[in-house]
């Protein structure tokens, strides 16, 4: 949807970003799904997800934030 708006506005590079981001999120989710299927145990799957998100929020995002701030 957003990519169409940007295309109409003549902002093709921005439109490509709006196309690439959902694709990257899908790839990311697919990799998580593969890892969870390998565990195959609901409590362990939840534990792994919580650990991964805790790491992302506590360690990764704070490092990424300064780079993403304009």
PDB file of N, CA and C in Angstrom:
ATOM      1  N   UNK A   1       0.813  -1.175   0.000  1.00  0.00           N
ATOM      2  CA  UNK A   1       0.000   0.000   0.000  1.00  0.00           C
ATOM      3  C   UNK A   1       0.872   1.260   0.000  1.00  0.00           C
ATOM      4  N   UNK A   2       1.779   1.381   0.969  1.00  0.00           N
ATOM      5  CA  UNK A   2       2.624   2.573   1.010  1.00  0.00           C
ATOM      6  C   UNK A   2       3.518   2.669  -0.219  1.00  0.00           C
ATOM      7  N   UNK A   3       3.971   1.517  -0.700  1.00  0.00           N
ATOM      8  CA  UNK A   3       4.840   1.551  -1.887  1.00  0.00           C
ATOM      9  C   UNK A   3       4.106   2.133  -3.094  1.00  0.00           C
ATOM     10  N   UNK A   4       2.818   1.883  -3.201  1.00  0.00           N
ATOM     11  CA  UNK A   4       2.040   2.439  -4.311  1.00  0.00           C
ATOM     12  C   UNK A   4       1.943   3.961  -4.215  1.00  0.00           C
ATOM     13  N   UNK A   5       1.760   4.448  -3.008  1.00  0.00           N
ATOM     14  CA  UNK A   5       1.697   5.901  -2.803  1.00  0.00           C
ATOM     15  C   UNK A   5       3.017   6.540  -3.212  1.00  0.00           C
ATOM     16  N   UNK A   6       4.117   5.928  -2.789  1.00  0.00           N
ATOM     17  CA  UNK A   6       5.434   6.479  -3.106  1.00  0.00           C
ATOM     18  C   UNK A   6       5.747   6.383  -4.599  1.00  0.00           C
ATOM     19  N   UNK A   7       5.319   5.302  -5.228  1.00  0.00           N
ATOM     20  CA  UNK A   7       5.511   5.174  -6.680  1.00  0.00           C
ATOM     21  C   UNK A   7       4.783   6.286  -7.421  1.00  0.00           C
ATOM     22  N   UNK A   8       3.531   6.532  -7.021  1.00  0.00           N
ATOM     23  CA  UNK A   8       2.743   7.585  -7.668  1.00  0.00           C
ATOM     24  C   UNK A   8       3.366   8.964  -7.455  1.00  0.00           C
ATOM     25  N   UNK A   9       4.062   9.112  -6.325  1.00  0.00           N
ATOM     26  CA  UNK A   9       4.703  10.397  -6.018  1.00  0.00           C
ATOM     27  C   UNK A   9       6.060  10.521  -6.707  1.00  0.00           C
ATOM     28  N   UNK A  10       6.454   9.472  -7.437  1.00  0.00           N
ATOM     29  CA  UNK A  10       7.732   9.509  -8.143  1.00  0.00           C
ATOM     30  C   UNK A  10       8.929   9.176  -7.268  1.00  0.00           C
ATOM     31  N   UNK A  11       8.680   8.604  -6.108  1.00  0.00           N
ATOM     32  CA  UNK A  11       9.745   8.259  -5.173  1.00  0.00           C
ATOM     33  C   UNK A  11      10.016   6.750  -5.228  1.00  0.00           C
ATOM     34  N   UNK A  12      10.601   6.315  -6.338  1.00  0.00           N
ATOM     35  CA  UNK A  12      10.766   4.879  -6.566  1.00  0.00           C
ATOM     36  C   UNK A  12      11.684   4.211  -5.551  1.00  0.00           C
ATOM     37  N   UNK A  13      12.718   4.895  -5.086  1.00  0.00           N
ATOM     38  CA  UNK A  13      13.614   4.279  -4.096  1.00  0.00           C
ATOM     39  C   UNK A  13      12.911   4.068  -2.759  1.00  0.00           C
ATOM     40  N   UNK A  14      12.108   5.038  -2.359  1.00  0.00           N
ATOM     41  CA  UNK A  14      11.320   4.894  -1.124  1.00  0.00           C
ATOM     42  C   UNK A  14      10.304   3.771  -1.302  1.00  0.00           C
ATOM     43  N   UNK A  15       9.705   3.687  -2.467  1.00  0.00           N
ATOM     44  CA  UNK A  15       8.746   2.616  -2.752  1.00  0.00           C
ATOM     45  C   UNK A  15       9.416   1.255  -2.616  1.00  0.00           C
ATOM     46  N   UNK A  16      10.635   1.141  -3.113  1.00  0.00           N
ATOM     47  CA  UNK A  16      11.358  -0.136  -2.997  1.00  0.00           C
ATOM     48  C   UNK A  16      11.627  -0.491  -1.542  1.00  0.00           C
ATOM     49  N   UNK A  17      11.909   0.498  -0.711  1.00  0.00           N
ATOM     50  CA  UNK A  17      12.085   0.230   0.719  1.00  0.00           C
ATOM     51  C   UNK A  17      10.808  -0.336   1.324  1.00  0.00           C
ATOM     52  N   UNK A  18       9.668   0.269   0.961  1.00  0.00           N
ATOM     53  CA  UNK A  18       8.397  -0.217   1.492  1.00  0.00           C
ATOM     54  C   UNK A  18       8.049  -1.609   0.957  1.00  0.00           C
ATOM     55  N   UNK A  19       8.646  -2.019  -0.123  1.00  0.00           N
ATOM     56  CA  UNK A  19       8.466  -3.388  -0.620  1.00  0.00           C
ATOM     57  C   UNK A  19       9.439  -4.337   0.073  1.00  0.00           C
ATOM     58  N   UNK A  20      10.654  -3.872   0.324  1.00  0.00           N
ATOM     59  CA  UNK A  20      11.695  -4.729   0.886  1.00  0.00           C
ATOM     60  C   UNK A  20      11.470  -5.038   2.363  1.00  0.00           C
ATOM     61  N   UNK A  21      10.979  -4.070   3.104  1.00  0.00           N
ATOM     62  CA  UNK A  21      10.835  -4.264   4.552  1.00  0.00           C
ATOM     63  C   UNK A  21       9.890  -5.415   4.892  1.00  0.00           C
ATOM     64  N   UNK A  22       8.688  -5.502   4.318  1.00  0.00           N
ATOM     65  CA  UNK A  22       7.829  -6.649   4.635  1.00  0.00           C
ATOM     66  C   UNK A  22       8.457  -7.979   4.203  1.00  0.00           C
ATOM     67  N   UNK A  23       9.176  -7.951   3.086  1.00  0.00           N
ATOM     68  CA  UNK A  23       9.840  -9.189   2.645  1.00  0.00           C
ATOM     69  C   UNK A  23      10.879  -9.620   3.685  1.00  0.00           C
ATOM     70  N   UNK A  24      11.669  -8.672   4.173  1.00  0.00           N
ATOM     71  CA  UNK A  24      12.687  -8.990   5.178  1.00  0.00           C
ATOM     72  C   UNK A  24      12.039  -9.517   6.460  1.00  0.00           C
ATOM     73  N   UNK A  25      10.912  -8.933   6.834  1.00  0.00           N
ATOM     74  CA  UNK A  25      10.201  -9.411   8.025  1.00  0.00           C
ATOM     75  C   UNK A  25       9.701 -10.841   7.819  1.00  0.00           C
ATOM     76  N   UNK A  26       9.253 -11.149   6.605  1.00  0.00           N
ATOM     77  CA  UNK A  26       8.786 -12.506   6.307  1.00  0.00           C
ATOM     78  C   UNK A  26       9.937 -13.500   6.389  1.00  0.00           C
ATOM     79  N   UNK A  27      11.084 -13.141   5.847  1.00  0.00           N
ATOM     80  CA  UNK A  27      12.264 -14.018   5.920  1.00  0.00           C
ATOM     81  C   UNK A  27      12.633 -14.245   7.383  1.00  0.00           C
ATOM     82  N   UNK A  28      12.634 -13.191   8.159  1.00  0.00           N
ATOM     83  CA  UNK A  28      12.964 -13.275   9.579  1.00  0.00           C
ATOM     84  C   UNK A  28      11.990 -14.219  10.301  1.00  0.00           C
ATOM     85  N   UNK A  29      10.705 -14.047  10.062  1.00  0.00           N
ATOM     86  CA  UNK A  29       9.693 -14.898  10.692  1.00  0.00           C
ATOM     87  C   UNK A  29       9.836 -16.352  10.255  1.00  0.00           C
ATOM     88  N   UNK A  30      10.166 -16.562   8.988  1.00  0.00           N
ATOM     89  CA  UNK A  30      10.355 -17.927   8.483  1.00  0.00           C
ATOM     90  C   UNK A  30      11.505 -18.617   9.207  1.00  0.00           C
ATOM     91  N   UNK A  31      12.585 -17.901   9.434  1.00  0.00           N
ATOM     92  CA  UNK A  31      13.722 -18.485  10.153  1.00  0.00           C
ATOM     93  C   UNK A  31      13.344 -18.821  11.590  1.00  0.00           C
ATOM     94  N   UNK A  32      12.569 -17.949  12.238  1.00  0.00           N
ATOM     95  CA  UNK A  32      12.103 -18.257  13.584  1.00  0.00           C
ATOM     96  C   UNK A  32      11.229 -19.504  13.577  1.00  0.00           C
ATOM     97  N   UNK A  33      10.355 -19.602  12.600  1.00  0.00           N
ATOM     98  CA  UNK A  33       9.459 -20.759  12.514  1.00  0.00           C
ATOM     99  C   UNK A  33      10.252 -22.047  12.350  1.00  0.00           C
ATOM    100  N   UNK A  34      11.260 -22.027  11.501  1.00  0.00           N
ATOM    101  CA  UNK A  34      12.090 -23.229  11.321  1.00  0.00           C
ATOM    102  C   UNK A  34      12.741 -23.632  12.631  1.00  0.00           C
ATOM    103  N   UNK A  35      13.254 -22.669  13.362  1.00  0.00           N
ATOM    104  CA  UNK A  35      13.891 -22.979  14.641  1.00  0.00           C
ATOM    105  C   UNK A  35      12.891 -23.514  15.644  1.00  0.00           C
ATOM    106  N   UNK A  36      11.702 -22.943  15.681  1.00  0.00           N
ATOM    107  CA  UNK A  36      10.690 -23.410  16.618  1.00  0.00           C
ATOM    108  C   UNK A  36      10.206 -24.809  16.273  1.00  0.00           C
ATOM    109  N   UNK A  37      10.077 -25.112  14.991  1.00  0.00           N
ATOM    110  CA  UNK A  37       9.662 -26.450  14.594  1.00  0.00           C
ATOM    111  C   UNK A  37      10.688 -27.488  15.021  1.00  0.00           C
ATOM    112  N   UNK A  38      11.953 -27.096  15.065  1.00  0.00           N
ATOM    113  CA  UNK A  38      13.000 -28.019  15.499  1.00  0.00           C
ATOM    114  C   UNK A  38      12.837 -28.346  16.982  1.00  0.00           C
ATOM    115  N   UNK A  39      12.341 -27.392  17.785  1.00  0.00           N
ATOM    116  CA  UNK A  39      12.152 -27.639  19.209  1.00  0.00           C
ATOM    117  C   UNK A  39      10.944 -28.530  19.450  1.00  0.00           C
ATOM    118  N   UNK A  40       9.819 -28.154  18.803  1.00  0.00           N
ATOM    119  CA  UNK A  40       8.620 -29.003  18.823  1.00  0.00           C
ATOM    120  C   UNK A  40       8.000 -29.217  20.198  1.00  0.00           C
ATOM    121  N   UNK A  41       8.238 -28.302  21.145  1.00  0.00           N
ATOM    122  CA  UNK A  41       7.677 -28.406  22.474  1.00  0.00           C
ATOM    123  C   UNK A  41       7.191 -27.013  22.866  1.00  0.00           C
ATOM    124  N   UNK A  42       5.890 -26.840  23.086  1.00  0.00           N
ATOM    125  CA  UNK A  42       5.309 -25.513  23.284  1.00  0.00           C
ATOM    126  C   UNK A  42       5.963 -24.711  24.404  1.00  0.00           C
ATOM    127  N   UNK A  43       6.144 -25.258  25.599  1.00  0.00           N
ATOM    128  CA  UNK A  43       6.792 -24.453  26.650  1.00  0.00           C
ATOM    129  C   UNK A  43       8.216 -24.031  26.273  1.00  0.00           C
ATOM    130  N   UNK A  44       8.942 -24.906  25.648  1.00  0.00           N
ATOM    131  CA  UNK A  44      10.307 -24.583  25.231  1.00  0.00           C
ATOM    132  C   UNK A  44      10.293 -23.545  24.103  1.00  0.00           C
ATOM    133  N   UNK A  45       9.331 -23.667  23.196  1.00  0.00           N
ATOM    134  CA  UNK A  45       9.191 -22.672  22.123  1.00  0.00           C
ATOM    135  C   UNK A  45       8.934 -21.282  22.706  1.00  0.00           C
ATOM    136  N   UNK A  46       8.034 -21.202  23.669  1.00  0.00           N
ATOM    137  CA  UNK A  46       7.736 -19.912  24.295  1.00  0.00           C
ATOM    138  C   UNK A  46       8.966 -19.352  24.999  1.00  0.00           C
ATOM    139  N   UNK A  47       9.671 -20.194  25.688  1.00  0.00           N
ATOM    140  CA  UNK A  47      10.883 -19.764  26.385  1.00  0.00           C
ATOM    141  C   UNK A  47      11.901 -19.203  25.397  1.00  0.00           C
ATOM    142  N   UNK A  48      12.085 -19.893  24.285  1.00  0.00           N
ATOM    143  CA  UNK A  48      13.030 -19.445  23.263  1.00  0.00           C
ATOM    144  C   UNK A  48      12.600 -18.110  22.667  1.00  0.00           C
ATOM    145  N   UNK A  49      11.308 -17.955  22.382  1.00  0.00           N
ATOM    146  CA  UNK A  49      10.807 -16.689  21.829  1.00  0.00           C
ATOM    147  C   UNK A  49      11.012 -15.539  22.806  1.00  0.00           C
ATOM    148  N   UNK A  50      10.695 -15.775  24.063  1.00  0.00           N
ATOM    149  CA  UNK A  50      10.857 -14.726  25.072  1.00  0.00           C
ATOM    150  C   UNK A  50      12.320 -14.336  25.201  1.00  0.00           C
ATOM    151  N   UNK A  51      13.210 -15.317  25.212  1.00  0.00           N
ATOM    152  CA  UNK A  51      14.645 -15.014  25.300  1.00  0.00           C
ATOM    153  C   UNK A  51      15.107 -14.207  24.090  1.00  0.00           C
ATOM    154  N   UNK A  52      14.657 -14.584  22.914  1.00  0.00           N
ATOM    155  CA  UNK A  52      15.048 -13.874  21.699  1.00  0.00           C
ATOM    156  C   UNK A  52      14.549 -12.445  21.682  1.00  0.00           C
ATOM    157  N   UNK A  53      13.298 -12.238  22.058  1.00  0.00           N
ATOM    158  CA  UNK A  53      12.739 -10.886  22.083  1.00  0.00           C
ATOM    159  C   UNK A  53      13.362 -10.048  23.193  1.00  0.00           C
ATOM    160  N   UNK A  54      13.632 -10.664  24.333  1.00  0.00           N
ATOM    161  CA  UNK A  54      14.288  -9.949  25.426  1.00  0.00           C
ATOM    162  C   UNK A  54      15.666  -9.467  24.992  1.00  0.00           C
ATOM    163  N   UNK A  55      16.394 -10.319  24.311  1.00  0.00           N
ATOM    164  CA  UNK A  55      17.706  -9.931  23.792  1.00  0.00           C
ATOM    165  C   UNK A  55      17.572  -8.791  22.780  1.00  0.00           C
ATOM    166  N   UNK A  56      16.621  -8.919  21.875  1.00  0.00           N
ATOM    167  CA  UNK A  56      16.439  -7.892  20.844  1.00  0.00           C
ATOM    168  C   UNK A  56      16.116  -6.544  21.470  1.00  0.00           C
ATOM    169  N   UNK A  57      15.180  -6.525  22.412  1.00  0.00           N
ATOM    170  CA  UNK A  57      14.760  -5.267  23.029  1.00  0.00           C
ATOM    171  C   UNK A  57      15.851  -4.702  23.937  1.00  0.00           C
ATOM    172  N   UNK A  58      16.513  -5.556  24.688  1.00  0.00           N
ATOM    173  CA  UNK A  58      17.491  -5.086  25.660  1.00  0.00           C
ATOM    174  C   UNK A  58      18.879  -4.821  25.111  1.00  0.00           C
ATOM    175  N   UNK A  59      19.273  -5.564  24.075  1.00  0.00           N
ATOM    176  CA  UNK A  59      20.643  -5.469  23.566  1.00  0.00           C
ATOM    177  C   UNK A  59      20.733  -4.886  22.156  1.00  0.00           C
ATOM    178  N   UNK A  60      19.934  -5.397  21.247  1.00  0.00           N
ATOM    179  CA  UNK A  60      20.061  -5.007  19.844  1.00  0.00           C
ATOM    180  C   UNK A  60      19.461  -3.638  19.563  1.00  0.00           C
ATOM    181  N   UNK A  61      18.208  -3.438  19.940  1.00  0.00           N
ATOM    182  CA  UNK A  61      17.524  -2.188  19.580  1.00  0.00           C
ATOM    183  C   UNK A  61      18.205  -0.941  20.146  1.00  0.00           C
ATOM    184  N   UNK A  62      18.690  -0.970  21.401  1.00  0.00           N
ATOM    185  CA  UNK A  62      19.378   0.227  21.891  1.00  0.00           C
ATOM    186  C   UNK A  62      20.616   0.588  21.055  1.00  0.00           C
ATOM    187  N   UNK A  63      21.290  -0.412  20.513  1.00  0.00           N
ATOM    188  CA  UNK A  63      22.455  -0.146  19.652  1.00  0.00           C
ATOM    189  C   UNK A  63      22.006   0.378  18.306  1.00  0.00           C
ATOM    190  N   UNK A  64      20.919  -0.135  17.785  1.00  0.00           N
ATOM    191  CA  UNK A  64      20.424   0.287  16.464  1.00  0.00           C
ATOM    192  C   UNK A  64      19.817   1.686  16.504  1.00  0.00           C
ATOM    193  N   UNK A  65      19.227   2.069  17.635  1.00  0.00           N
ATOM    194  CA  UNK A  65      18.485   3.325  17.710  1.00  0.00           C
ATOM    195  C   UNK A  65      19.310   4.550  17.292  1.00  0.00           C
ATOM    196  N   UNK A  66      20.534   4.737  17.797  1.00  0.00           N
ATOM    197  CA  UNK A  66      21.292   5.927  17.364  1.00  0.00           C
ATOM    198  C   UNK A  66      21.548   5.960  15.861  1.00  0.00           C
ATOM    199  N   UNK A  67      21.741   4.802  15.266  1.00  0.00           N
ATOM    200  CA  UNK A  67      21.983   4.755  13.831  1.00  0.00           C
ATOM    201  C   UNK A  67      20.722   5.090  13.032  1.00  0.00           C
ATOM    202  N   UNK A  68      19.560   4.809  13.621  1.00  0.00           N
ATOM    203  CA  UNK A  68      18.302   5.024  12.907  1.00  0.00           C
ATOM    204  C   UNK A  68      17.729   6.423  13.139  1.00  0.00           C
ATOM    205  N   UNK A  69      18.267   7.148  14.086  1.00  0.00           N
ATOM    206  CA  UNK A  69      17.753   8.471  14.402  1.00  0.00           C
ATOM    207  C   UNK A  69      18.328   9.490  13.428  1.00  0.00           C
ATOM    208  N   UNK A  70      17.451  10.279  12.848  1.00  0.00           N
ATOM    209  CA  UNK A  70      17.876  11.288  11.875  1.00  0.00           C
ATOM    210  C   UNK A  70      18.142  12.603  12.561  1.00  0.00           C
TER     211      UNK A  70
END
